[in-house]
Structure formats: structure tokens, C-alpha cells
Protein backbone atom coordinates (compact mmCIF):
# COMPACT_ATOMS: atom_id res chain seq x y z
CA MET A 1 0.00 0.00 0.00
CA LEU A 2 0.97 3.57 -0.61
CA ALA A 3 1.62 5.96 2.26
CA LEU A 4 1.63 9.36 0.62
CA PRO A 5 3.32 12.14 2.60
CA ALA A 6 0.10 14.21 2.61
CA SER A 7 -1.80 11.26 4.09
CA THR A 8 0.76 10.58 6.80
CA THR A 9 0.66 14.26 7.77
CA VAL A 10 -3.11 14.08 8.31
CA PHE A 11 -2.91 10.96 10.43
CA ASP A 12 -0.01 12.40 12.42
CA ALA A 13 -2.13 15.50 13.10
CA ILE A 14 -4.98 13.30 14.30
CA GLY A 15 -2.59 11.64 16.71
CA VAL A 16 -3.04 8.04 15.63
CA GLY A 17 -0.42 5.73 14.26
CA HIS A 18 0.09 4.77 10.66
CA TRP A 19 -1.80 1.54 11.36
CA PHE A 20 -4.99 3.63 11.44
CA MET A 21 -4.18 5.06 8.01
CA TYR A 22 -3.94 1.53 6.60
CA LEU A 23 -7.13 0.49 8.39
CA THR A 24 -8.89 3.51 6.89
CA GLY A 25 -7.66 2.50 3.44
CA LEU A 26 -8.95 -1.05 3.92
CA VAL A 27 -12.37 0.26 5.01
CA GLU A 28 -12.51 2.51 1.94
CA LEU A 29 -11.49 -0.39 -0.31
CA ALA A 30 -14.11 -2.70 1.22
CA GLY A 31 -16.75 -0.01 0.69
CA ALA A 32 -15.70 0.43 -2.94
CA VAL A 33 -15.93 -3.31 -3.56
CA GLY A 34 -19.33 -3.34 -1.84
CA LEU A 35 -20.53 -0.64 -4.23
CA LEU A 36 -19.70 -2.93 -7.15
CA VAL A 37 -21.84 -5.80 -5.82
CA ARG A 38 -25.48 -5.06 -6.64
CA ARG A 39 -26.91 -6.59 -3.49
CA LEU A 40 -24.39 -4.80 -1.26
CA ALA A 41 -24.39 -1.41 -2.99
CA GLY A 42 -27.00 0.15 -0.70
CA PRO A 43 -25.47 -0.95 2.59
CA ALA A 44 -21.97 -0.12 1.32
CA ALA A 45 -23.07 3.38 0.31
CA THR A 46 -24.73 3.90 3.69
CA ALA A 47 -21.65 2.66 5.55
CA LEU A 48 -19.40 4.93 3.49
CA ILE A 49 -21.64 7.91 4.30
CA VAL A 50 -21.22 7.19 8.01
CA PHE A 51 -17.47 6.77 7.47
CA LEU A 52 -17.33 10.13 5.68
CA ALA A 53 -19.34 11.80 8.45
CA PHE A 54 -16.58 10.77 10.86
CA ALA A 55 -14.02 12.08 8.37
CA PHE A 56 -15.87 15.40 8.33
CA VAL A 57 -15.77 15.66 12.12
CA THR A 58 -12.08 14.76 12.10
CA GLN A 59 -11.37 17.43 9.48
CA LEU A 60 -13.17 20.01 11.61
CA THR A 61 -11.45 19.10 14.86
CA ALA A 62 -7.95 17.86 14.03
CA MET A 63 -7.38 19.79 10.81
CA HIS A 64 -9.16 23.02 11.89
CA GLY A 65 -11.69 22.81 9.07
CA GLU A 66 -9.15 22.44 6.27
CA ASN A 67 -10.80 20.43 3.45
CA ALA A 68 -13.82 19.78 5.66
CA GLY A 69 -16.17 20.04 2.69
CA THR A 70 -14.48 17.25 0.77
CA PRO A 71 -16.41 14.39 2.43
CA PHE A 72 -19.69 16.00 1.33
CA ILE A 73 -18.61 15.87 -2.30
CA PHE A 74 -18.49 12.09 -1.98
CA MET A 75 -21.58 11.82 0.21
CA VAL A 76 -23.90 13.16 -2.49
CA PRO A 77 -23.44 10.34 -5.04
CA LEU A 78 -23.34 7.79 -2.21
CA ALA A 79 -26.68 9.11 -0.94
CA VAL A 80 -28.14 8.72 -4.43
CA ILE A 81 -26.92 5.11 -4.56
CA ALA A 82 -28.25 4.37 -1.06
CA TRP A 83 -31.63 5.90 -1.96
CA HIS A 84 -31.99 3.94 -5.19
CA ARG A 85 -30.98 0.69 -3.49
CA ARG A 86 -33.12 1.17 -0.37
CA ALA A 87 -35.56 -1.64 -1.28
CA GLU A 88 -32.72 -4.11 -1.79
CA THR A 89 -31.13 -2.98 1.47
CA ALA A 90 -34.41 -3.49 3.34
CA GLU A 91 -34.77 -6.96 1.81
CA LEU A 92 -31.22 -7.83 2.81
CA LEU A 93 -31.93 -6.71 6.38
CA ARG A 94 -35.16 -8.75 6.51
CA ARG A 95 -33.28 -11.87 5.35
CA SER A 96 -30.62 -11.48 8.02
CA ARG A 97 -33.17 -11.79 10.85
């Protein structure tokens, strides 16, 4: 995996180790793969929205608002995907009970 200097700076500012940067990358990758699987697209989009909400809070607190709007750019298309896949997501949740 790549550890770009800009990324390491952000995670250093947050105060977590580089392990958290790699964990974040794995979560993002899992979400991206989930978006490609029709049945999982809705839940993956919803999970990525939650993930990006935490990224927004982190940008506001640890980075003093620098690039805080960036997560919202990605939330919009994810919200569209989650909305259009809501019936499949509900069916998936009913099956898991």
C-alpha cells in the first residue's frame, strides 16, 4: 500500500499511528468493492456515508476545518446510490433476521 506524505501528515495531526491510516484504506477499499456488488451497494453506500461523516468531524477538529467540505462531495453520489438501493437494502436486512 501507498503511504503518501500528505496522508501521513493528516494521520499524524490526528494523533493516531500509521496503522490507522492503513485500516482507513482497507475500510474505503471494502466499501468500494461493496458498491460494485449489486446486493451490497445500498449498505456499502450507507456505511461509506457514516465513514465520511466521521471524516468530516475529524477534518473540523484535528485539521481546523481544512478540506472539511471534501467528504460531502463524496456523500452526495453515495446518498443517491443508497436511496436507489433502499428496497434491496431493506430486503437484505429482513433476510438477516
